[in-house]
Amino acid sequence: MADFQTSSHHDRWILSSEDLVEKRHSSNQRAIAALKNYGATRVEVQADGSLAYPGALVAEDSSDSRKLPEPLSVDEEILIQRFYEQKIQQVCAAFSFPHKIQATAILYFKRFFLNWSVMEHDPKQIMLTCIYISCKVEEFHVSAEEFGKGIQQDPQAVLKNELCLLQGLNFDLIVYAPYRSLDGFLVDMESFFHSKDETFLEKLKDLKEAAIFVADKLMLCDVALQFPPGQLALAALHSANLEEKTVDLDRYLKSIAERQRNRISFAELVKGLNVILEKLNELGPINEEDVRRIDRKLKYCRNPSLQDDKKRERKKPKRSSKDAANKA
């Protein structure tokens, strides 16, 4: 695999907080503009790159009196995205996919929805396509039929968004996750501490498991788009070691700081790791009721006729038990 420093991941997909805010705002506003102009947000990218809105209201339905669905806010988009990122982890665990596939799929999903709004493309279908494409890229062969059967979905639902996803990623498919760096640091620790003691090696295994747990949570945060995988891996190790004090990690981190090409102080290194870990404190539990509410709004934005169907259903007169008996 190519070196991270020369990769598209390094050059185009390590973003600042300001970049994330700007991209999310831009895609959200584009979807809201489509809702106002066409009455729906679901979009299809044409062969020439133009956008088509298949759910757009026909002229006779687009009167000013018609109430448009309420669009999602940026915060609501972020919440629904995080919900599906957790679903990626759950699906990958159910298939016993390696962590690399899980991380690749999550990064694809995150990147795609920086360029697009969830109001424009169905996040559930994009989620499934992200997992399928990550399996292909990471050379872990699973056919669309096999994958579709395992998740009880039509394989075409997985395949139909393949080109759209690739375009949304700018065809940058090679990603670097913290798990490989984590393995590298643990091997380096064995050499650094000069220990072949079985008890110590078992402690390193326990440290690895705890660090993987932290890395999984970091992949759900914005830090996965903001920091290189090596820093994420070190942050995961730092967090995991705080609990058990398995190794003298401060001594190891000092050696890491001294070995950097552009030497940084130990204090600067730890400060950077703590900045990453602070994001975990912002990662609260997802409220299922909030997800259901946002999902309803999302469906109405993508297909406003659902909102009309709901209104008509509410207006239907309720049949009395006597009427039902007479009809029977």
C-alpha atoms as a PDB file:
ATOM      1  CA  MET A   1       0.000   0.000   0.000  1.00  0.00           C
ATOM      2  CA  ALA A   2       1.200   3.523  -0.798  1.00  0.00           C
ATOM      3  CA  ASP A   3       2.573   5.737   1.945  1.00  0.00           C
ATOM      4  CA  PHE A   4      -0.015   7.838   3.795  1.00  0.00           C
ATOM      5  CA  GLN A   5       1.993  11.034   3.286  1.00  0.00           C
ATOM      6  CA  THR A   6       1.649  10.740  -0.502  1.00  0.00           C
ATOM      7  CA  SER A   7      -1.964   9.521  -0.505  1.00  0.00           C
ATOM      8  CA  SER A   8      -5.191  11.232  -1.566  1.00  0.00           C
ATOM      9  CA  HIS A   9      -6.355  10.688   2.024  1.00  0.00           C
ATOM     10  CA  HIS A  10      -3.538  12.937   3.251  1.00  0.00           C
ATOM     11  CA  ASP A  11      -3.813  15.482   0.440  1.00  0.00           C
ATOM     12  CA  ARG A  12      -7.587  15.868   0.122  1.00  0.00           C
ATOM     13  CA  TRP A  13      -9.379  14.313   3.088  1.00  0.00           C
ATOM     14  CA  ILE A  14      -7.726  15.691   6.229  1.00  0.00           C
ATOM     15  CA  LEU A  15     -10.016  18.619   6.902  1.00  0.00           C
ATOM     16  CA  SER A  16     -10.304  21.417   9.434  1.00  0.00           C
ATOM     17  CA  SER A  17     -13.344  22.085  11.588  1.00  0.00           C
ATOM     18  CA  GLU A  18     -14.069  25.096   9.379  1.00  0.00           C
ATOM     19  CA  ASP A  19     -13.971  22.884   6.263  1.00  0.00           C
ATOM     20  CA  LEU A  20     -16.512  20.487   7.784  1.00  0.00           C
ATOM     21  CA  VAL A  21     -18.870  23.301   8.791  1.00  0.00           C
ATOM     22  CA  GLU A  22     -18.658  24.894   5.343  1.00  0.00           C
ATOM     23  CA  LYS A  23     -19.214  21.650   3.412  1.00  0.00           C
ATOM     24  CA  ARG A  24     -22.148  20.569   5.561  1.00  0.00           C
ATOM     25  CA  HIS A  25     -23.771  23.977   5.354  1.00  0.00           C
ATOM     26  CA  SER A  26     -23.330  24.065   1.576  1.00  0.00           C
ATOM     27  CA  SER A  27     -24.925  20.657   0.957  1.00  0.00           C
ATOM     28  CA  ASN A  28     -27.731  21.394   3.417  1.00  0.00           C
ATOM     29  CA  GLN A  29     -28.529  24.713   1.720  1.00  0.00           C
ATOM     30  CA  ARG A  30     -28.488  23.126  -1.739  1.00  0.00           C
ATOM     31  CA  ALA A  31     -31.084  20.575  -0.607  1.00  0.00           C
ATOM     32  CA  ILE A  32     -33.246  23.295   0.984  1.00  0.00           C
ATOM     33  CA  ALA A  33     -33.070  25.311  -2.254  1.00  0.00           C
ATOM     34  CA  ALA A  34     -34.184  22.237  -4.203  1.00  0.00           C
ATOM     35  CA  LEU A  35     -37.099  21.784  -1.806  1.00  0.00           C
ATOM     36  CA  LYS A  36     -38.220  25.366  -2.438  1.00  0.00           C
ATOM     37  CA  ASN A  37     -37.678  25.205  -6.196  1.00  0.00           C
ATOM     38  CA  TYR A  38     -38.896  21.690  -6.974  1.00  0.00           C
ATOM     39  CA  GLY A  39     -40.915  20.664  -3.935  1.00  0.00           C
ATOM     40  CA  ALA A  40     -38.651  17.671  -3.239  1.00  0.00           C
ATOM     41  CA  THR A  41     -35.000  17.032  -2.419  1.00  0.00           C
ATOM     42  CA  ARG A  42     -34.310  13.553  -3.846  1.00  0.00           C
ATOM     43  CA  VAL A  43     -31.737  14.007  -6.585  1.00  0.00           C
ATOM     44  CA  GLU A  44     -30.300  11.921  -9.405  1.00  0.00           C
ATOM     45  CA  VAL A  45     -27.004  12.786 -11.067  1.00  0.00           C
ATOM     46  CA  GLN A  46     -27.296  12.593 -14.861  1.00  0.00           C
ATOM     47  CA  ALA A  47     -24.608  11.343 -17.249  1.00  0.00           C
ATOM     48  CA  ASP A  48     -23.621  14.933 -18.107  1.00  0.00           C
ATOM     49  CA  GLY A  49     -23.269  15.822 -14.429  1.00  0.00           C
ATOM     50  CA  SER A  50     -26.520  17.777 -14.213  1.00  0.00           C
ATOM     51  CA  LEU A  51     -28.991  17.170 -11.403  1.00  0.00           C
ATOM     52  CA  ALA A  52     -32.530  15.870 -11.856  1.00  0.00           C
ATOM     53  CA  TYR A  53     -35.247  15.838  -9.216  1.00  0.00           C
ATOM     54  CA  PRO A  54     -37.560  12.889  -9.926  1.00  0.00           C
ATOM     55  CA  GLY A  55     -39.760  13.744  -6.965  1.00  0.00           C
ATOM     56  CA  ALA A  56     -40.401  17.295  -8.166  1.00  0.00           C
ATOM     57  CA  LEU A  57     -43.979  18.506  -7.989  1.00  0.00           C
ATOM     58  CA  VAL A  58     -45.845  18.809 -11.276  1.00  0.00           C
ATOM     59  CA  ALA A  59     -47.013  22.291 -12.191  1.00  0.00           C
ATOM     60  CA  GLU A  60     -50.603  21.865 -11.006  1.00  0.00           C
ATOM     61  CA  ASP A  61     -49.389  20.668  -7.602  1.00  0.00           C
ATOM     62  CA  SER A  62     -46.849  23.425  -7.077  1.00  0.00           C
ATOM     63  CA  SER A  63     -49.189  26.222  -6.012  1.00  0.00           C
ATOM     64  CA  ASP A  64     -48.117  28.628  -3.333  1.00  0.00           C
ATOM     65  CA  SER A  65     -50.847  27.287  -1.087  1.00  0.00           C
ATOM     66  CA  ARG A  66     -49.189  23.905  -0.882  1.00  0.00           C
ATOM     67  CA  LYS A  67     -47.141  23.594   2.310  1.00  0.00           C
ATOM     68  CA  LEU A  68     -43.669  22.250   1.715  1.00  0.00           C
ATOM     69  CA  PRO A  69     -42.135  19.690   4.086  1.00  0.00           C
ATOM     70  CA  GLU A  70     -39.859  21.049   6.788  1.00  0.00           C
ATOM     71  CA  PRO A  71     -36.204  20.560   5.806  1.00  0.00           C
ATOM     72  CA  LEU A  72     -33.592  19.029   8.095  1.00  0.00           C
ATOM     73  CA  SER A  73     -31.156  21.262   9.919  1.00  0.00           C
ATOM     74  CA  VAL A  74     -27.412  20.595   9.732  1.00  0.00           C
ATOM     75  CA  ASP A  75     -27.481  19.209  13.279  1.00  0.00           C
ATOM     76  CA  GLU A  76     -30.305  16.839  12.370  1.00  0.00           C
ATOM     77  CA  GLU A  77     -28.335  15.660   9.346  1.00  0.00           C
ATOM     78  CA  ILE A  78     -25.300  14.992  11.545  1.00  0.00           C
ATOM     79  CA  LEU A  79     -27.387  12.967  13.989  1.00  0.00           C
ATOM     80  CA  ILE A  80     -28.961  10.778  11.300  1.00  0.00           C
ATOM     81  CA  GLN A  81     -25.540  10.250   9.732  1.00  0.00           C
ATOM     82  CA  ARG A  82     -24.103   9.111  13.066  1.00  0.00           C
ATOM     83  CA  PHE A  83     -27.035   6.723  13.459  1.00  0.00           C
ATOM     84  CA  TYR A  84     -26.167   5.059  10.152  1.00  0.00           C
ATOM     85  CA  GLU A  85     -22.448   5.045  10.943  1.00  0.00           C
ATOM     86  CA  GLN A  86     -23.295   2.965  14.010  1.00  0.00           C
ATOM     87  CA  LYS A  87     -25.394   0.747  11.746  1.00  0.00           C
ATOM     88  CA  ILE A  88     -22.311   0.215   9.567  1.00  0.00           C
ATOM     89  CA  GLN A  89     -20.456  -1.072  12.616  1.00  0.00           C
ATOM     90  CA  GLN A  90     -23.351  -3.359  13.525  1.00  0.00           C
ATOM     91  CA  VAL A  91     -23.702  -4.794  10.002  1.00  0.00           C
ATOM     92  CA  CYS A  92     -19.939  -5.371   9.722  1.00  0.00           C
ATOM     93  CA  ALA A  93     -19.916  -7.102  13.109  1.00  0.00           C
ATOM     94  CA  ALA A  94     -22.823  -9.330  12.049  1.00  0.00           C
ATOM     95  CA  PHE A  95     -20.835 -10.408   8.974  1.00  0.00           C
ATOM     96  CA  SER A  96     -17.601 -10.701  11.015  1.00  0.00           C
ATOM     97  CA  PHE A  97     -15.900  -8.296   8.623  1.00  0.00           C
ATOM     98  CA  PRO A  98     -12.409  -7.075   9.614  1.00  0.00           C
ATOM     99  CA  HIS A  99     -12.171  -3.687  11.304  1.00  0.00           C
ATOM    100  CA  LYS A 100     -10.497  -2.294   8.185  1.00  0.00           C
ATOM    101  CA  ILE A 101     -13.690  -2.829   6.156  1.00  0.00           C
ATOM    102  CA  GLN A 102     -15.801  -1.231   8.851  1.00  0.00           C
ATOM    103  CA  ALA A 103     -13.515   1.805   9.019  1.00  0.00           C
ATOM    104  CA  THR A 104     -13.312   2.142   5.235  1.00  0.00           C
ATOM    105  CA  ALA A 105     -17.103   2.018   4.911  1.00  0.00           C
ATOM    106  CA  ILE A 106     -17.541   4.655   7.631  1.00  0.00           C
ATOM    107  CA  LEU A 107     -15.009   6.968   5.997  1.00  0.00           C
ATOM    108  CA  TYR A 108     -16.727   6.535   2.627  1.00  0.00           C
ATOM    109  CA  PHE A 109     -20.062   7.370   4.254  1.00  0.00           C
ATOM    110  CA  LYS A 110     -18.644  10.426   6.043  1.00  0.00           C
ATOM    111  CA  ARG A 111     -16.947  11.725   2.905  1.00  0.00           C
ATOM    112  CA  PHE A 112     -19.984  11.190   0.695  1.00  0.00           C
ATOM    113  CA  PHE A 113     -22.249  13.164   3.010  1.00  0.00           C
ATOM    114  CA  LEU A 114     -19.843  16.062   3.093  1.00  0.00           C
ATOM    115  CA  ASN A 115     -20.546  16.511  -0.619  1.00  0.00           C
ATOM    116  CA  TRP A 116     -24.242  15.607  -0.432  1.00  0.00           C
ATOM    117  CA  SER A 117     -27.116  16.061   1.977  1.00  0.00           C
ATOM    118  CA  VAL A 118     -29.036  13.097   3.397  1.00  0.00           C
ATOM    119  CA  MET A 119     -32.081  14.862   1.956  1.00  0.00           C
ATOM    120  CA  GLU A 120     -30.630  14.296  -1.522  1.00  0.00           C
ATOM    121  CA  HIS A 121     -29.527  10.667  -1.238  1.00  0.00           C
ATOM    122  CA  ASP A 122     -31.046   7.931   0.924  1.00  0.00           C
ATOM    123  CA  PRO A 123     -28.527   7.381   3.764  1.00  0.00           C
ATOM    124  CA  LYS A 124     -29.644   3.779   4.308  1.00  0.00           C
ATOM    125  CA  GLN A 125     -28.958   2.781   0.710  1.00  0.00           C
ATOM    126  CA  ILE A 126     -25.694   4.727   0.633  1.00  0.00           C
ATOM    127  CA  MET A 127     -24.669   2.971   3.871  1.00  0.00           C
ATOM    128  CA  LEU A 128     -25.157  -0.457   2.281  1.00  0.00           C
ATOM    129  CA  THR A 129     -23.274   0.545  -0.857  1.00  0.00           C
ATOM    130  CA  CYS A 130     -20.402   1.895   1.271  1.00  0.00           C
ATOM    131  CA  ILE A 131     -20.030  -1.491   2.977  1.00  0.00           C
ATOM    132  CA  TYR A 132     -20.199  -3.376  -0.327  1.00  0.00           C
ATOM    133  CA  ILE A 133     -17.620  -1.125  -2.038  1.00  0.00           C
ATOM    134  CA  SER A 134     -15.281  -1.269   0.973  1.00  0.00           C
ATOM    135  CA  CYS A 135     -15.325  -5.071   0.744  1.00  0.00           C
ATOM    136  CA  LYS A 136     -14.273  -4.855  -2.905  1.00  0.00           C
ATOM    137  CA  VAL A 137     -11.579  -2.267  -2.292  1.00  0.00           C
ATOM    138  CA  GLU A 138     -10.146  -4.201   0.661  1.00  0.00           C
ATOM    139  CA  GLU A 139     -10.248  -7.434  -1.410  1.00  0.00           C
ATOM    140  CA  PHE A 140     -12.655  -9.184   0.933  1.00  0.00           C
ATOM    141  CA  HIS A 141     -14.919 -10.762  -1.634  1.00  0.00           C
ATOM    142  CA  VAL A 142     -18.632 -10.724  -0.937  1.00  0.00           C
ATOM    143  CA  SER A 143     -21.052 -10.779  -3.875  1.00  0.00           C
ATOM    144  CA  ALA A 144     -23.948  -8.324  -3.989  1.00  0.00           C
ATOM    145  CA  GLU A 145     -26.329 -11.292  -3.893  1.00  0.00           C
ATOM    146  CA  GLU A 146     -24.672 -12.761  -0.805  1.00  0.00           C
ATOM    147  CA  PHE A 147     -24.535  -9.393   0.928  1.00  0.00           C
ATOM    148  CA  GLY A 148     -28.135  -8.562   0.008  1.00  0.00           C
ATOM    149  CA  LYS A 149     -29.338 -11.917   1.301  1.00  0.00           C
ATOM    150  CA  GLY A 150     -27.490 -11.427   4.582  1.00  0.00           C
ATOM    151  CA  ILE A 151     -29.141  -8.057   5.219  1.00  0.00           C
ATOM    152  CA  GLN A 152     -32.480  -9.080   3.681  1.00  0.00           C
ATOM    153  CA  GLN A 153     -32.263  -6.412   0.984  1.00  0.00           C
ATOM    154  CA  ASP A 154     -32.583  -6.541  -2.783  1.00  0.00           C
ATOM    155  CA  PRO A 155     -29.022  -6.695  -4.216  1.00  0.00           C
ATOM    156  CA  GLN A 156     -30.050  -3.999  -6.703  1.00  0.00           C
ATOM    157  CA  ALA A 157     -30.560  -1.628  -3.773  1.00  0.00           C
ATOM    158  CA  VAL A 158     -26.867  -2.133  -3.033  1.00  0.00           C
ATOM    159  CA  LEU A 159     -25.666  -1.888  -6.628  1.00  0.00           C
ATOM    160  CA  LYS A 160     -27.737   0.979  -7.987  1.00  0.00           C
ATOM    161  CA  ASN A 161     -25.860   3.638  -6.006  1.00  0.00           C
ATOM    162  CA  GLU A 162     -22.389   2.307  -6.812  1.00  0.00           C
ATOM    163  CA  LEU A 163     -21.455   4.898  -9.465  1.00  0.00           C
ATOM    164  CA  CYS A 164     -23.093   7.700  -7.494  1.00  0.00           C
ATOM    165  CA  LEU A 165     -21.007   6.785  -4.440  1.00  0.00           C
ATOM    166  CA  LEU A 166     -17.777   6.606  -6.425  1.00  0.00           C
ATOM    167  CA  GLN A 167     -18.451  10.028  -7.940  1.00  0.00           C
ATOM    168  CA  GLY A 168     -19.293  11.444  -4.514  1.00  0.00           C
ATOM    169  CA  LEU A 169     -15.921  10.207  -3.251  1.00  0.00           C
ATOM    170  CA  ASN A 170     -14.144  11.734  -6.257  1.00  0.00           C
ATOM    171  CA  PHE A 171     -12.960   8.141  -6.861  1.00  0.00           C
ATOM    172  CA  ASP A 172     -10.572   8.449  -3.887  1.00  0.00           C
ATOM    173  CA  LEU A 173     -10.966   4.894  -2.603  1.00  0.00           C
ATOM    174  CA  ILE A 174      -7.748   4.243  -0.679  1.00  0.00           C
ATOM    175  CA  VAL A 175      -8.245   5.171   2.959  1.00  0.00           C
ATOM    176  CA  TYR A 176      -6.085   4.737   6.031  1.00  0.00           C
ATOM    177  CA  ALA A 177      -7.693   3.593   9.276  1.00  0.00           C
ATOM    178  CA  PRO A 178      -6.152   3.646  12.783  1.00  0.00           C
ATOM    179  CA  TYR A 179      -6.204  -0.154  13.209  1.00  0.00           C
ATOM    180  CA  ARG A 180      -3.134  -0.859  11.087  1.00  0.00           C
ATOM    181  CA  SER A 181      -1.223   1.908  12.874  1.00  0.00           C
ATOM    182  CA  LEU A 182      -2.383   0.420  16.170  1.00  0.00           C
ATOM    183  CA  ASP A 183      -0.834  -2.934  15.266  1.00  0.00           C
ATOM    184  CA  GLY A 184       2.394  -1.169  14.299  1.00  0.00           C
ATOM    185  CA  PHE A 185       2.647   0.708  17.585  1.00  0.00           C
ATOM    186  CA  LEU A 186       2.068  -2.475  19.605  1.00  0.00           C
ATOM    187  CA  VAL A 187       4.828  -4.314  17.720  1.00  0.00           C
ATOM    188  CA  ASP A 188       7.091  -1.313  18.303  1.00  0.00           C
ATOM    189  CA  MET A 189       6.235  -1.391  22.018  1.00  0.00           C
ATOM    190  CA  GLU A 190       7.437  -4.984  22.321  1.00  0.00           C
ATOM    191  CA  SER A 191      10.797  -3.887  20.981  1.00  0.00           C
ATOM    192  CA  PHE A 192      10.887  -0.642  22.957  1.00  0.00           C
ATOM    193  CA  PHE A 193      10.223  -2.261  26.331  1.00  0.00           C
ATOM    194  CA  HIS A 194      12.558  -5.200  25.566  1.00  0.00           C
ATOM    195  CA  SER A 195      10.177  -7.633  27.184  1.00  0.00           C
ATOM    196  CA  LYS A 196       9.316 -11.172  26.141  1.00  0.00           C
ATOM    197  CA  ASP A 197       7.569 -11.885  29.414  1.00  0.00           C
ATOM    198  CA  GLU A 198       4.327 -13.770  28.772  1.00  0.00           C
ATOM    199  CA  THR A 199       2.451 -11.706  31.332  1.00  0.00           C
ATOM    200  CA  PHE A 200       3.566  -8.467  29.668  1.00  0.00           C
ATOM    201  CA  LEU A 201       2.596  -9.745  26.215  1.00  0.00           C
ATOM    202  CA  GLU A 202      -0.837 -10.734  27.512  1.00  0.00           C
ATOM    203  CA  LYS A 203      -1.233  -7.231  28.923  1.00  0.00           C
ATOM    204  CA  LEU A 204      -0.387  -5.817  25.487  1.00  0.00           C
ATOM    205  CA  LYS A 205      -3.125  -7.984  23.972  1.00  0.00           C
ATOM    206  CA  ASP A 206      -5.597  -6.634  26.504  1.00  0.00           C
ATOM    207  CA  LEU A 207      -4.396  -3.102  25.747  1.00  0.00           C
ATOM    208  CA  LYS A 208      -4.961  -3.717  22.045  1.00  0.00           C
ATOM    209  CA  GLU A 209      -8.556  -4.864  22.605  1.00  0.00           C
ATOM    210  CA  ALA A 210      -9.280  -1.828  24.765  1.00  0.00           C
ATOM    211  CA  ALA A 211      -7.653   0.492  22.205  1.00  0.00           C
ATOM    212  CA  ILE A 212      -9.711  -1.024  19.355  1.00  0.00           C
ATOM    213  CA  PHE A 213     -12.853  -0.263  21.364  1.00  0.00           C
ATOM    214  CA  VAL A 214     -11.758   3.376  21.669  1.00  0.00           C
ATOM    215  CA  ALA A 215     -10.785   3.538  17.970  1.00  0.00           C
ATOM    216  CA  ASP A 216     -14.264   2.273  17.022  1.00  0.00           C
ATOM    217  CA  LYS A 217     -15.781   5.198  18.908  1.00  0.00           C
ATOM    218  CA  LEU A 218     -13.327   7.674  17.382  1.00  0.00           C
ATOM    219  CA  MET A 219     -14.420   6.568  13.910  1.00  0.00           C
ATOM    220  CA  LEU A 220     -17.896   7.907  14.722  1.00  0.00           C
ATOM    221  CA  CYS A 221     -16.493  11.371  15.488  1.00  0.00           C
ATOM    222  CA  ASP A 222     -15.365  14.155  13.182  1.00  0.00           C
ATOM    223  CA  VAL A 223     -11.763  13.406  14.202  1.00  0.00           C
ATOM    224  CA  ALA A 224     -11.804  10.566  11.650  1.00  0.00           C
ATOM    225  CA  LEU A 225     -11.896  13.323   9.001  1.00  0.00           C
ATOM    226  CA  GLN A 226      -9.488  15.662  10.772  1.00  0.00           C
ATOM    227  CA  PHE A 227      -6.489  13.643  11.958  1.00  0.00           C
ATOM    228  CA  PRO A 228      -4.102  11.104  10.408  1.00  0.00           C
ATOM    229  CA  PRO A 229      -4.649   7.445  11.369  1.00  0.00           C
ATOM    230  CA  GLY A 230      -1.417   7.303  13.355  1.00  0.00           C
ATOM    231  CA  GLN A 231      -2.577  10.064  15.692  1.00  0.00           C
ATOM    232  CA  LEU A 232      -5.964   8.382  16.098  1.00  0.00           C
ATOM    233  CA  ALA A 233      -4.231   5.102  16.981  1.00  0.00           C
ATOM    234  CA  LEU A 234      -1.984   6.782  19.558  1.00  0.00           C
ATOM    235  CA  ALA A 235      -4.992   8.562  21.060  1.00  0.00           C
ATOM    236  CA  ALA A 236      -6.819   5.228  21.339  1.00  0.00           C
ATOM    237  CA  LEU A 237      -3.798   3.650  23.071  1.00  0.00           C
ATOM    238  CA  HIS A 238      -3.450   6.653  25.381  1.00  0.00           C
ATOM    239  CA  SER A 239      -7.108   6.426  26.410  1.00  0.00           C
ATOM    240  CA  ALA A 240      -7.056   2.644  26.864  1.00  0.00           C
ATOM    241  CA  ASN A 241      -3.905   2.778  28.970  1.00  0.00           C
ATOM    242  CA  LEU A 242      -5.321   5.420  31.313  1.00  0.00           C
ATOM    243  CA  GLU A 243      -7.694   2.813  32.726  1.00  0.00           C
ATOM    244  CA  GLU A 244      -5.329  -0.096  33.390  1.00  0.00           C
ATOM    245  CA  LYS A 245      -1.873   1.518  33.303  1.00  0.00           C
ATOM    246  CA  THR A 246      -0.695  -1.535  31.369  1.00  0.00           C
ATOM    247  CA  VAL A 247       2.578   0.058  30.246  1.00  0.00           C
ATOM    248  CA  ASP A 248       4.618   3.170  30.942  1.00  0.00           C
ATOM    249  CA  LEU A 249       3.061   4.875  27.940  1.00  0.00           C
ATOM    250  CA  ASP A 250       4.482   8.295  28.793  1.00  0.00           C
ATOM    251  CA  ARG A 251       8.014   6.936  28.306  1.00  0.00           C
ATOM    252  CA  TYR A 252       6.985   5.401  24.980  1.00  0.00           C
ATOM    253  CA  LEU A 253       5.301   8.630  23.832  1.00  0.00           C
ATOM    254  CA  LYS A 254       8.462  10.592  24.703  1.00  0.00           C
ATOM    255  CA  SER A 255      10.435   8.275  22.434  1.00  0.00           C
ATOM    256  CA  ILE A 256       7.842   8.778  19.672  1.00  0.00           C
ATOM    257  CA  ALA A 257       8.166  12.570  19.991  1.00  0.00           C
ATOM    258  CA  GLU A 258      11.956  12.326  19.771  1.00  0.00           C
ATOM    259  CA  ARG A 259      11.772  10.124  16.660  1.00  0.00           C
ATOM    260  CA  GLN A 260       9.542  12.515  14.695  1.00  0.00           C
ATOM    261  CA  ARG A 261      11.093  14.027  11.590  1.00  0.00           C
ATOM    262  CA  ASN A 262      10.006  17.445  12.811  1.00  0.00           C
ATOM    263  CA  ARG A 263      10.617  16.891  16.496  1.00  0.00           C
ATOM    264  CA  ILE A 264       7.816  17.936  18.820  1.00  0.00           C
ATOM    265  CA  SER A 265       7.820  18.002  22.586  1.00  0.00           C
ATOM    266  CA  PHE A 266       6.193  15.301  24.672  1.00  0.00           C
ATOM    267  CA  ALA A 267       3.788  17.929  26.046  1.00  0.00           C
ATOM    268  CA  GLU A 268       2.731  18.950  22.529  1.00  0.00           C
ATOM    269  CA  LEU A 269       2.158  15.331  21.565  1.00  0.00           C
ATOM    270  CA  VAL A 270      -0.010  14.585  24.609  1.00  0.00           C
ATOM    271  CA  LYS A 271      -1.930  17.833  24.130  1.00  0.00           C
ATOM    272  CA  GLY A 272      -2.747  16.794  20.558  1.00  0.00           C
ATOM    273  CA  LEU A 273      -3.928  13.355  21.690  1.00  0.00           C
ATOM    274  CA  ASN A 274      -6.128  14.925  24.362  1.00  0.00           C
ATOM    275  CA  VAL A 275      -7.737  17.179  21.746  1.00  0.00           C
ATOM    276  CA  ILE A 276      -8.766  14.046  19.855  1.00  0.00           C
ATOM    277  CA  LEU A 277     -10.055  12.288  22.964  1.00  0.00           C
ATOM    278  CA  GLU A 278     -12.084  15.314  24.036  1.00  0.00           C
ATOM    279  CA  LYS A 279     -14.331  14.626  21.037  1.00  0.00           C
ATOM    280  CA  LEU A 280     -15.361  11.346  22.641  1.00  0.00           C
ATOM    281  CA  ASN A 281     -16.998  13.313  25.447  1.00  0.00           C
ATOM    282  CA  GLU A 282     -19.205  15.007  22.841  1.00  0.00           C
ATOM    283  CA  LEU A 283     -20.338  11.631  21.515  1.00  0.00           C
ATOM    284  CA  GLY A 284     -23.447  11.143  23.607  1.00  0.00           C
ATOM    285  CA  PRO A 285     -25.998   8.360  23.131  1.00  0.00           C
ATOM    286  CA  ILE A 286     -28.391   8.643  20.196  1.00  0.00           C
ATOM    287  CA  ASN A 287     -32.017   9.172  21.170  1.00  0.00           C
ATOM    288  CA  GLU A 288     -34.146   6.714  19.172  1.00  0.00           C
ATOM    289  CA  GLU A 289     -37.160   9.024  19.276  1.00  0.00           C
ATOM    290  CA  ASP A 290     -35.082  11.825  17.747  1.00  0.00           C
ATOM    291  CA  VAL A 291     -33.976   9.461  14.985  1.00  0.00           C
ATOM    292  CA  ARG A 292     -37.576   8.464  14.211  1.00  0.00           C
ATOM    293  CA  ARG A 293     -38.678  12.103  14.140  1.00  0.00           C
ATOM    294  CA  ILE A 294     -35.837  13.131  11.820  1.00  0.00           C
ATOM    295  CA  ASP A 295     -36.395  10.099   9.622  1.00  0.00           C
ATOM    296  CA  ARG A 296     -40.046  11.105   9.133  1.00  0.00           C
ATOM    297  CA  LYS A 297     -38.967  14.609   8.120  1.00  0.00           C
ATOM    298  CA  LEU A 298     -36.391  13.105   5.776  1.00  0.00           C
ATOM    299  CA  LYS A 299     -38.943  10.885   4.031  1.00  0.00           C
ATOM    300  CA  TYR A 300     -41.314  13.827   3.516  1.00  0.00           C
ATOM    301  CA  CYS A 301     -38.499  15.948   2.025  1.00  0.00           C
ATOM    302  CA  ARG A 302     -37.504  13.210  -0.400  1.00  0.00           C
ATOM    303  CA  ASN A 303     -41.083  12.286  -1.280  1.00  0.00           C
ATOM    304  CA  PRO A 304     -43.627  15.023  -0.366  1.00  0.00           C
ATOM    305  CA  SER A 305     -46.545  12.877  -1.547  1.00  0.00           C
ATOM    306  CA  LEU A 306     -46.089  10.843   1.649  1.00  0.00           C
ATOM    307  CA  GLN A 307     -47.039  13.937   3.608  1.00  0.00           C
ATOM    308  CA  ASP A 308     -50.221  14.303   1.525  1.00  0.00           C
ATOM    309  CA  ASP A 309     -51.061  10.630   2.042  1.00  0.00           C
ATOM    310  CA  LYS A 310     -50.667  11.117   5.779  1.00  0.00           C
ATOM    311  CA  LYS A 311     -53.011  14.117   5.726  1.00  0.00           C
ATOM    312  CA  ARG A 312     -55.641  12.238   3.714  1.00  0.00           C
ATOM    313  CA  GLU A 313     -55.399   9.326   6.123  1.00  0.00           C
ATOM    314  CA  ARG A 314     -56.057  11.646   9.058  1.00  0.00           C
ATOM    315  CA  LYS A 315     -59.106  13.155   7.315  1.00  0.00           C
ATOM    316  CA  LYS A 316     -60.748   9.791   6.670  1.00  0.00           C
ATOM    317  CA  PRO A 317     -63.883   9.418   8.807  1.00  0.00           C
ATOM    318  CA  LYS A 318     -63.560   6.647  11.315  1.00  0.00           C
ATOM    319  CA  ARG A 319     -65.998   3.798  10.758  1.00  0.00           C
ATOM    320  CA  SER A 320     -68.075   2.841  13.741  1.00  0.00           C
ATOM    321  CA  SER A 321     -68.224  -0.741  14.879  1.00  0.00           C
ATOM    322  CA  LYS A 322     -71.926  -0.727  13.897  1.00  0.00           C
ATOM    323  CA  ASP A 323     -71.122   0.328  10.321  1.00  0.00           C
ATOM    324  CA  ALA A 324     -68.458  -2.322  10.096  1.00  0.00           C
ATOM    325  CA  ALA A 325     -70.905  -4.964  11.334  1.00  0.00           C
ATOM    326  CA  ASN A 326     -73.591  -3.899   8.832  1.00  0.00           C
ATOM    327  CA  LYS A 327     -71.095  -3.997   5.982  1.00  0.00           C
ATOM    328  CA  ALA A 328     -70.004  -7.448   7.059  1.00  0.00           C
END
